[in-house]
N, C-alpha and C. Protein backbone atom coordinates (compact mmCIF):
# COMPACT_ATOMS: atom_id res chain seq x y z
N MET A 1 109.13 115.09 80.71
CA MET A 1 109.63 114.60 81.91
C MET A 1 110.93 115.36 82.35
N PRO A 2 110.97 115.81 83.68
CA PRO A 2 112.06 116.57 84.02
C PRO A 2 113.36 115.76 83.97
N ALA A 3 114.54 116.51 83.93
CA ALA A 3 115.82 115.82 83.85
C ALA A 3 115.99 115.02 85.15
N PRO A 4 116.64 113.81 85.03
CA PRO A 4 116.88 113.05 86.30
C PRO A 4 117.74 113.84 87.23
N LEU A 5 117.51 113.52 88.48
CA LEU A 5 118.31 114.16 89.58
C LEU A 5 119.64 113.53 89.66
N PRO A 6 120.78 114.30 89.84
CA PRO A 6 122.04 113.65 89.94
C PRO A 6 122.16 112.85 91.22
N ALA A 7 122.98 111.76 91.07
CA ALA A 7 123.30 111.03 92.39
C ALA A 7 124.34 111.84 93.10
N HIS A 8 124.40 111.81 94.44
CA HIS A 8 125.35 112.59 95.22
C HIS A 8 126.17 111.59 96.03
N GLY A 9 127.36 112.03 96.50
CA GLY A 9 128.20 111.23 97.29
C GLY A 9 127.60 111.23 98.76
N PRO A 10 128.56 110.88 99.73
CA PRO A 10 128.11 110.92 101.11
C PRO A 10 127.35 112.09 101.48
N CYS A 11 126.30 111.88 102.27
CA CYS A 11 125.40 112.88 102.68
C CYS A 11 126.01 113.83 103.76
N VAL A 12 126.22 115.01 103.43
CA VAL A 12 126.77 115.97 104.48
C VAL A 12 125.70 117.09 104.57
N LEU A 13 125.08 117.17 105.73
CA LEU A 13 124.02 118.11 105.90
C LEU A 13 124.50 119.04 107.01
N ALA A 14 125.41 119.91 106.75
CA ALA A 14 126.01 120.73 107.83
C ALA A 14 125.03 121.92 108.10
N ASP A 15 124.44 122.52 107.08
CA ASP A 15 123.62 123.69 107.18
C ASP A 15 122.16 123.35 107.53
N GLU A 16 121.78 123.52 108.78
CA GLU A 16 120.44 123.15 109.21
C GLU A 16 119.43 124.36 109.04
N ALA A 17 119.91 125.47 108.60
CA ALA A 17 119.07 126.66 108.52
C ALA A 17 117.82 126.44 107.67
N PRO A 18 117.97 125.83 106.42
CA PRO A 18 116.70 125.64 105.64
C PRO A 18 115.68 124.84 106.25
N ILE A 19 116.14 123.77 107.01
CA ILE A 19 115.10 122.99 107.74
C ILE A 19 114.47 123.84 108.89
N ALA A 20 115.32 124.51 109.60
CA ALA A 20 114.80 125.34 110.70
C ALA A 20 113.83 126.39 110.31
N ARG A 21 114.09 126.98 109.15
CA ARG A 21 113.23 128.05 108.65
C ARG A 21 111.88 127.46 108.18
N LEU A 22 111.90 126.42 107.48
CA LEU A 22 110.72 125.82 106.86
C LEU A 22 109.94 124.98 107.92
N HIS A 23 110.60 124.30 108.74
CA HIS A 23 110.07 123.31 109.66
C HIS A 23 110.77 123.49 111.02
N PRO A 24 110.37 124.50 111.81
CA PRO A 24 111.10 124.70 113.03
C PRO A 24 111.12 123.56 114.02
N GLN A 25 110.13 122.72 113.97
CA GLN A 25 110.07 121.51 114.81
C GLN A 25 111.14 120.48 114.39
N LEU A 26 111.81 120.64 113.19
CA LEU A 26 112.77 119.71 112.86
C LEU A 26 114.19 120.28 112.90
N ALA A 27 114.38 121.45 113.46
CA ALA A 27 115.73 122.03 113.65
C ALA A 27 116.61 121.10 114.39
N GLY A 28 117.80 120.88 113.92
CA GLY A 28 118.71 119.94 114.46
C GLY A 28 118.54 118.49 114.08
N SER A 29 117.71 118.33 112.98
CA SER A 29 117.44 117.01 112.52
C SER A 29 118.33 116.57 111.43
N ALA A 30 119.43 117.30 111.11
CA ALA A 30 120.39 116.96 110.04
C ALA A 30 120.90 115.53 110.24
N ALA A 31 121.25 115.23 111.49
CA ALA A 31 121.78 113.99 111.76
C ALA A 31 120.75 112.85 111.61
N ALA A 32 119.55 113.11 112.02
CA ALA A 32 118.47 112.20 111.91
C ALA A 32 118.18 111.90 110.41
N LEU A 33 118.18 112.99 109.66
CA LEU A 33 117.97 112.82 108.14
C LEU A 33 119.09 111.97 107.55
N SER A 34 120.39 112.29 107.92
CA SER A 34 121.48 111.51 107.38
C SER A 34 121.36 109.97 107.79
N ASN A 35 120.86 109.80 109.00
CA ASN A 35 120.73 108.45 109.42
C ASN A 35 119.63 107.70 108.67
N TRP A 36 118.53 108.41 108.49
CA TRP A 36 117.37 107.87 107.70
C TRP A 36 117.78 107.50 106.24
N LEU A 37 118.44 108.46 105.66
CA LEU A 37 118.94 108.26 104.28
C LEU A 37 119.81 107.06 104.18
N ALA A 38 120.78 106.94 105.15
CA ALA A 38 121.70 105.78 105.15
C ALA A 38 120.85 104.47 105.35
N GLN A 39 119.95 104.48 106.22
CA GLN A 39 119.20 103.23 106.44
C GLN A 39 118.38 102.82 105.22
N GLN A 40 117.92 103.82 104.45
CA GLN A 40 117.17 103.67 103.23
C GLN A 40 118.02 103.33 101.97
N GLY A 41 119.37 103.43 102.21
CA GLY A 41 120.29 103.17 101.05
C GLY A 41 120.48 104.29 100.10
N PHE A 42 120.19 105.54 100.54
CA PHE A 42 120.42 106.77 99.77
C PHE A 42 121.66 107.44 100.21
N PRO A 43 122.59 107.68 99.38
CA PRO A 43 123.80 108.40 99.79
C PRO A 43 123.58 109.91 100.00
N GLY A 44 122.50 110.44 99.55
CA GLY A 44 122.18 111.85 99.78
C GLY A 44 120.77 112.17 99.42
N PRO A 45 120.26 113.34 99.79
CA PRO A 45 118.80 113.58 99.61
C PRO A 45 118.44 113.70 98.17
N LEU A 46 119.32 113.89 97.24
CA LEU A 46 118.94 113.98 95.80
C LEU A 46 119.29 112.60 95.02
N ALA A 47 119.76 111.65 95.73
CA ALA A 47 120.11 110.35 95.05
C ALA A 47 118.87 109.66 94.66
N ARG A 48 119.08 108.72 93.73
CA ARG A 48 117.95 107.90 93.22
C ARG A 48 118.22 106.45 93.42
N ALA A 49 117.17 105.67 93.65
CA ALA A 49 117.33 104.15 93.80
C ALA A 49 116.84 103.56 92.52
N GLU A 50 116.63 102.30 92.59
CA GLU A 50 116.11 101.56 91.45
C GLU A 50 114.89 102.20 90.83
N GLU A 51 114.76 102.13 89.50
CA GLU A 51 113.59 102.63 88.87
C GLU A 51 113.31 104.13 89.10
N GLY A 52 114.38 104.83 89.48
CA GLY A 52 114.29 106.29 89.64
C GLY A 52 113.66 106.80 90.89
N GLU A 53 113.44 105.93 91.86
CA GLU A 53 112.75 106.32 93.07
C GLU A 53 113.68 107.24 93.88
N THR A 54 113.10 108.42 94.45
CA THR A 54 113.83 109.31 95.19
C THR A 54 113.55 109.07 96.67
N ALA A 55 114.40 109.69 97.48
CA ALA A 55 114.25 109.54 98.91
C ALA A 55 112.95 110.08 99.38
N LEU A 56 112.47 111.14 98.72
CA LEU A 56 111.15 111.72 99.07
C LEU A 56 110.07 110.62 98.73
N MET A 57 110.11 110.00 97.67
CA MET A 57 109.13 109.02 97.26
C MET A 57 109.16 107.89 98.38
N ARG A 58 110.30 107.48 98.77
CA ARG A 58 110.44 106.42 99.75
C ARG A 58 109.78 106.93 101.13
N ALA A 59 110.11 108.15 101.52
CA ALA A 59 109.45 108.65 102.73
C ALA A 59 107.98 108.74 102.63
N ALA A 60 107.48 109.17 101.40
CA ALA A 60 106.01 109.20 101.22
C ALA A 60 105.42 107.84 101.26
N TRP A 61 106.05 106.90 100.67
CA TRP A 61 105.54 105.47 100.65
C TRP A 61 105.39 105.02 102.04
N GLN A 62 106.28 105.34 102.90
CA GLN A 62 106.37 104.90 104.31
C GLN A 62 105.47 105.75 105.17
N GLY A 63 105.02 106.88 104.70
CA GLY A 63 104.20 107.83 105.54
C GLY A 63 104.99 108.47 106.61
N ASP A 64 106.33 108.60 106.34
CA ASP A 64 107.24 109.16 107.40
C ASP A 64 107.24 110.71 107.24
N ALA A 65 106.41 111.34 108.09
CA ALA A 65 106.23 112.80 108.03
C ALA A 65 107.58 113.51 108.39
N SER A 66 108.34 112.95 109.36
CA SER A 66 109.59 113.68 109.73
C SER A 66 110.53 113.62 108.53
N ALA A 67 110.73 112.50 107.94
CA ALA A 67 111.65 112.41 106.81
C ALA A 67 111.17 113.21 105.62
N THR A 68 109.95 113.16 105.38
CA THR A 68 109.29 113.99 104.37
C THR A 68 109.60 115.46 104.55
N ALA A 69 109.27 116.00 105.77
CA ALA A 69 109.50 117.34 106.09
C ALA A 69 110.97 117.75 105.93
N ALA A 70 111.88 116.89 106.45
CA ALA A 70 113.29 117.19 106.43
C ALA A 70 113.79 117.19 104.95
N LEU A 71 113.32 116.34 104.10
CA LEU A 71 113.69 116.33 102.72
C LEU A 71 113.16 117.59 102.00
N LEU A 72 111.87 117.93 102.27
CA LEU A 72 111.31 119.09 101.59
C LEU A 72 112.07 120.33 102.18
N GLY A 73 112.47 120.35 103.39
CA GLY A 73 113.21 121.47 103.95
C GLY A 73 114.59 121.59 103.32
N ARG A 74 115.07 120.46 102.81
CA ARG A 74 116.33 120.49 102.02
C ARG A 74 116.22 120.93 100.62
N GLY A 75 114.95 121.15 100.21
CA GLY A 75 114.70 121.62 98.83
C GLY A 75 114.62 120.61 97.80
N VAL A 76 114.36 119.32 98.17
CA VAL A 76 114.35 118.29 97.12
C VAL A 76 112.98 118.54 96.26
N PRO A 77 113.13 118.31 94.99
CA PRO A 77 111.93 118.62 94.21
C PRO A 77 110.69 117.70 94.52
N VAL A 78 109.60 118.38 94.86
CA VAL A 78 108.39 117.69 95.29
C VAL A 78 107.75 116.88 94.17
N ASP A 79 107.92 117.40 92.93
CA ASP A 79 107.30 116.67 91.81
C ASP A 79 108.26 115.87 90.92
N ALA A 80 109.43 115.49 91.45
CA ALA A 80 110.34 114.66 90.75
C ALA A 80 109.62 113.29 90.39
N GLU A 81 109.92 112.80 89.24
CA GLU A 81 109.22 111.57 88.75
C GLU A 81 110.20 110.36 88.75
N ASP A 82 109.64 109.23 89.06
CA ASP A 82 110.42 108.01 88.91
C ASP A 82 110.37 107.55 87.42
N ASP A 83 110.85 106.30 87.09
CA ASP A 83 110.92 105.92 85.72
C ASP A 83 109.49 105.65 85.12
N GLN A 84 108.45 105.63 85.93
CA GLN A 84 107.08 105.47 85.43
C GLN A 84 106.31 106.80 85.45
N GLY A 85 107.06 107.84 85.73
CA GLY A 85 106.34 109.16 85.84
C GLY A 85 105.53 109.37 87.06
N ARG A 86 105.82 108.64 88.10
CA ARG A 86 105.12 108.76 89.39
C ARG A 86 105.91 109.65 90.32
N THR A 87 105.14 110.42 91.09
CA THR A 87 105.73 111.37 92.01
C THR A 87 105.52 110.85 93.43
N ALA A 88 106.16 111.59 94.42
CA ALA A 88 106.02 111.26 95.85
C ALA A 88 104.56 111.27 96.26
N LEU A 89 103.79 112.14 95.70
CA LEU A 89 102.35 112.18 96.03
C LEU A 89 101.65 110.92 95.64
N TRP A 90 102.09 110.42 94.40
CA TRP A 90 101.46 109.15 94.03
C TRP A 90 101.79 107.97 94.99
N TYR A 91 103.03 107.95 95.46
CA TYR A 91 103.45 106.92 96.44
C TYR A 91 102.66 107.07 97.79
N ALA A 92 102.51 108.24 98.21
CA ALA A 92 101.68 108.46 99.44
C ALA A 92 100.25 108.09 99.28
N CYS A 93 99.71 108.37 98.11
CA CYS A 93 98.36 107.98 97.81
C CYS A 93 98.17 106.45 97.74
N LEU A 94 99.18 105.78 97.06
CA LEU A 94 99.11 104.39 96.91
C LEU A 94 99.07 103.71 98.27
N GLN A 95 99.75 104.28 99.24
CA GLN A 95 99.71 103.62 100.63
C GLN A 95 98.62 104.22 101.42
N GLY A 96 98.10 105.40 101.04
CA GLY A 96 96.95 105.99 101.80
C GLY A 96 97.39 106.73 103.07
N TRP A 97 98.37 107.53 102.99
CA TRP A 97 98.86 108.36 104.20
C TRP A 97 98.30 109.73 104.03
N PRO A 98 97.13 110.02 104.64
CA PRO A 98 96.56 111.35 104.61
C PRO A 98 97.48 112.53 104.94
N ALA A 99 98.14 112.38 106.09
CA ALA A 99 98.98 113.46 106.61
C ALA A 99 100.14 113.75 105.58
N THR A 100 100.71 112.68 105.06
CA THR A 100 101.83 112.88 104.04
C THR A 100 101.24 113.47 102.75
N ILE A 101 100.07 113.10 102.37
CA ILE A 101 99.45 113.69 101.13
C ILE A 101 99.28 115.17 101.41
N VAL A 102 98.76 115.63 102.44
CA VAL A 102 98.57 116.98 102.78
C VAL A 102 99.92 117.69 102.80
N GLN A 103 100.85 117.13 103.46
CA GLN A 103 102.23 117.68 103.55
C GLN A 103 102.85 117.95 102.15
N LEU A 104 102.73 116.93 101.24
CA LEU A 104 103.23 117.17 99.96
C LEU A 104 102.44 118.19 99.16
N LEU A 105 101.17 118.23 99.31
CA LEU A 105 100.38 119.28 98.59
C LEU A 105 100.72 120.65 99.10
N GLN A 106 100.95 120.78 100.46
CA GLN A 106 101.29 122.13 100.98
C GLN A 106 102.66 122.52 100.43
N ALA A 107 103.55 121.58 100.04
CA ALA A 107 104.84 121.87 99.56
C ALA A 107 104.74 122.14 98.04
N GLY A 108 103.56 122.06 97.46
CA GLY A 108 103.43 122.36 96.04
C GLY A 108 103.27 121.20 95.06
N ALA A 109 103.09 120.01 95.60
CA ALA A 109 102.89 118.90 94.73
C ALA A 109 101.71 119.08 93.80
N ASP A 110 101.79 118.63 92.55
CA ASP A 110 100.69 118.76 91.56
C ASP A 110 99.71 117.60 91.89
N ILE A 111 98.54 117.97 92.31
CA ILE A 111 97.49 116.94 92.72
C ILE A 111 97.01 116.19 91.44
N ASP A 112 97.05 116.84 90.33
CA ASP A 112 96.50 116.22 89.07
C ASP A 112 97.53 115.68 88.12
N HIS A 113 98.75 115.53 88.58
CA HIS A 113 99.88 114.98 87.68
C HIS A 113 99.52 113.57 87.32
N ALA A 114 99.69 113.26 86.03
CA ALA A 114 99.40 111.93 85.49
C ALA A 114 100.74 111.20 85.36
N ASP A 115 100.80 109.96 85.67
CA ASP A 115 102.02 109.14 85.40
C ASP A 115 102.11 108.84 83.91
N ASP A 116 103.11 108.07 83.55
CA ASP A 116 103.36 107.70 82.18
C ASP A 116 102.22 106.89 81.62
N GLY A 117 101.42 106.27 82.37
CA GLY A 117 100.28 105.50 81.91
C GLY A 117 99.06 106.32 81.81
N GLY A 118 99.18 107.66 82.13
CA GLY A 118 98.04 108.56 81.99
C GLY A 118 97.19 108.58 83.20
N LEU A 119 97.53 108.05 84.33
CA LEU A 119 96.72 107.91 85.52
C LEU A 119 97.11 108.94 86.61
N THR A 120 96.06 109.60 87.13
CA THR A 120 96.34 110.59 88.23
C THR A 120 96.13 109.85 89.51
N CYS A 121 96.54 110.42 90.64
CA CYS A 121 96.28 109.86 91.99
C CYS A 121 94.80 109.50 92.19
N LEU A 122 93.87 110.42 91.72
CA LEU A 122 92.50 110.20 91.91
C LEU A 122 92.01 109.03 91.14
N MET A 123 92.50 108.86 89.89
CA MET A 123 92.15 107.66 89.09
C MET A 123 92.71 106.35 89.74
N GLN A 124 93.89 106.45 90.28
CA GLN A 124 94.45 105.21 90.91
C GLN A 124 93.65 104.85 92.15
N ALA A 125 93.19 105.82 92.91
CA ALA A 125 92.36 105.54 94.05
C ALA A 125 91.04 104.97 93.67
N ALA A 126 90.48 105.51 92.62
CA ALA A 126 89.12 105.07 92.11
C ALA A 126 89.25 103.57 91.63
N ALA A 127 90.29 103.36 90.85
CA ALA A 127 90.44 102.01 90.30
C ALA A 127 90.76 100.95 91.31
N SER A 128 91.23 101.42 92.48
CA SER A 128 91.57 100.50 93.60
C SER A 128 90.33 100.46 94.63
N GLY A 129 89.34 101.24 94.33
CA GLY A 129 88.14 101.21 95.30
C GLY A 129 88.38 101.86 96.59
N ARG A 130 89.25 102.84 96.58
CA ARG A 130 89.64 103.49 97.84
C ARG A 130 88.76 104.77 98.02
N ALA A 131 87.55 104.59 98.43
CA ALA A 131 86.54 105.67 98.47
C ALA A 131 87.07 106.83 99.45
N GLU A 132 87.70 106.43 100.60
CA GLU A 132 88.11 107.45 101.53
C GLU A 132 89.23 108.33 100.96
N LEU A 133 90.08 107.75 100.13
CA LEU A 133 91.18 108.39 99.54
C LEU A 133 90.61 109.25 98.43
N MET A 134 89.71 108.80 97.62
CA MET A 134 89.03 109.56 96.62
C MET A 134 88.38 110.84 97.22
N ALA A 135 87.71 110.69 98.32
CA ALA A 135 87.06 111.81 98.97
C ALA A 135 88.04 112.84 99.45
N LEU A 136 89.21 112.34 100.05
CA LEU A 136 90.19 113.30 100.51
C LEU A 136 90.84 114.03 99.36
N LEU A 137 91.13 113.33 98.26
CA LEU A 137 91.79 113.96 97.13
C LEU A 137 90.86 115.06 96.46
N ARG A 138 89.59 114.73 96.43
CA ARG A 138 88.60 115.65 95.90
C ARG A 138 88.51 116.89 96.78
N GLN A 139 88.48 116.62 98.13
CA GLN A 139 88.41 117.74 99.07
C GLN A 139 89.59 118.58 98.95
N LEU A 140 90.79 118.01 98.59
CA LEU A 140 92.01 118.73 98.51
C LEU A 140 92.17 119.47 97.12
N GLY A 141 91.21 119.20 96.29
CA GLY A 141 91.28 119.93 94.96
C GLY A 141 91.55 119.08 93.74
N ALA A 142 91.66 117.75 93.85
CA ALA A 142 91.85 116.96 92.67
C ALA A 142 90.71 117.06 91.72
N SER A 143 91.06 117.19 90.44
CA SER A 143 90.00 117.27 89.36
C SER A 143 89.51 115.95 88.97
N ALA A 144 88.20 115.78 88.85
CA ALA A 144 87.61 114.60 88.31
C ALA A 144 87.53 114.59 86.81
N VAL A 145 87.94 115.62 86.15
CA VAL A 145 87.77 115.79 84.69
C VAL A 145 88.78 115.02 83.83
N PRO A 146 90.07 114.85 84.28
CA PRO A 146 91.08 114.24 83.43
C PRO A 146 90.61 112.79 83.12
N CYS A 147 90.97 112.36 81.95
CA CYS A 147 90.62 110.98 81.60
C CYS A 147 91.96 110.19 81.22
N ALA A 148 91.92 108.92 81.53
CA ALA A 148 93.02 108.05 81.15
C ALA A 148 93.04 107.83 79.64
N PRO A 149 94.14 107.29 79.12
CA PRO A 149 94.15 107.04 77.67
C PRO A 149 93.02 106.21 77.14
N ASP A 150 92.42 105.33 77.96
CA ASP A 150 91.27 104.59 77.52
C ASP A 150 89.97 105.36 77.51
N GLY A 151 90.02 106.60 77.91
CA GLY A 151 88.79 107.43 77.94
C GLY A 151 88.06 107.49 79.17
N ARG A 152 88.48 106.73 80.17
CA ARG A 152 87.78 106.66 81.39
C ARG A 152 88.25 107.76 82.40
N ALA A 153 87.33 108.41 83.08
CA ALA A 153 87.69 109.32 84.16
C ALA A 153 87.66 108.56 85.49
N ALA A 154 88.04 109.25 86.57
CA ALA A 154 88.09 108.62 87.89
C ALA A 154 86.64 108.03 88.22
N ALA A 155 85.60 108.72 87.89
CA ALA A 155 84.25 108.14 88.33
C ALA A 155 83.94 106.93 87.45
N ASP A 156 84.36 106.84 86.19
CA ASP A 156 84.18 105.54 85.44
C ASP A 156 84.97 104.48 86.11
N MET A 157 86.16 104.73 86.61
CA MET A 157 87.00 103.65 87.19
C MET A 157 86.34 103.21 88.49
N ALA A 158 85.78 104.20 89.29
CA ALA A 158 85.19 103.81 90.55
C ALA A 158 83.92 102.98 90.21
N ALA A 159 83.15 103.31 89.22
CA ALA A 159 81.91 102.49 88.84
C ALA A 159 82.36 101.14 88.39
N ASP A 160 83.41 101.06 87.58
CA ASP A 160 83.97 99.71 87.22
C ASP A 160 84.26 98.82 88.36
N ARG A 161 84.98 99.40 89.32
CA ARG A 161 85.41 98.75 90.51
C ARG A 161 84.12 98.29 91.29
N ALA A 162 83.16 99.15 91.41
CA ALA A 162 81.94 98.84 92.17
C ALA A 162 81.30 97.64 91.53
N ARG A 163 81.19 97.66 90.20
CA ARG A 163 80.50 96.54 89.49
C ARG A 163 81.29 95.22 89.72
N GLU A 164 82.62 95.30 89.71
CA GLU A 164 83.46 94.10 89.99
C GLU A 164 83.21 93.59 91.35
N LEU A 165 83.05 94.53 92.34
CA LEU A 165 82.79 94.06 93.70
C LEU A 165 81.40 93.35 93.81
N LEU A 166 80.42 93.92 93.10
CA LEU A 166 79.16 93.47 93.11
C LEU A 166 79.06 92.00 92.50
N ARG A 167 79.89 91.77 91.42
CA ARG A 167 79.94 90.40 90.81
C ARG A 167 80.50 89.43 91.84
N HIS A 168 81.58 89.87 92.52
CA HIS A 168 82.19 88.97 93.55
C HIS A 168 81.20 88.67 94.67
N ALA A 169 80.43 89.75 95.06
CA ALA A 169 79.45 89.49 96.10
C ALA A 169 78.39 88.50 95.69
N ARG A 170 77.92 88.60 94.49
CA ARG A 170 76.88 87.67 93.94
C ARG A 170 77.43 86.21 93.97
N ARG A 171 78.71 86.04 93.61
CA ARG A 171 79.34 84.71 93.58
C ARG A 171 79.43 84.16 94.97
N LEU A 172 79.70 85.04 95.97
CA LEU A 172 79.77 84.53 97.28
C LEU A 172 78.41 84.13 97.87
N SER A 173 77.32 84.77 97.41
CA SER A 173 75.98 84.44 98.01
C SER A 173 75.35 83.35 97.18
N ALA A 174 75.90 82.89 96.06
CA ALA A 174 75.31 81.84 95.24
C ALA A 174 75.60 80.44 95.82
C-alpha cells in the first residue's frame, strides 16, 4: 500500500498552468476548485478525510467531472488508496459514472486494482449485478481473470447474483 498522502493547510492554488496545460477547458478554475474543496471539507487537494478518502475519491463518487479534471490537473495521485485499499476508480464504479470512469482511466488509473478484500472494480460490479458497468469495464480493458480470495472470478460473482435474482423471482411468482 502506498504511503498516506500528507494533509495540507489552507488550499492555495495560485499557479493555474498545470490545469491549463492538461485541461484547457478548466483554465481559470483554481478558485472553483478551492471552493469545491472547501465545500467538501478538504483543506487542500492532497488532504484526506475519514477512512483515508481523498478529494479525488469524493469527486469520483459524485461523478463531478470538473472537480475530477481539476484535481488530476493538480497532479493528485490517481491510484491513491483509502483505508480499505479502494481507489477513485472504485468509487466511480460503485456509483456508476461512465464519464468519470473513462476520465480516471485516461489519467492512468489501474483498472484491475484489487482492494484490501481482493475485489476489483469488475468483481464489485458483477457481485452487484451491474451488467452495464461490467460491459463498460470489459470494453475499457478490465481483466476477467483475477479471482477474489474465495476463488471466484467476476463471471462467478455475476452467475451467483443471477441465481439469487432467479430465486427472488420464483418467490414473487409463488
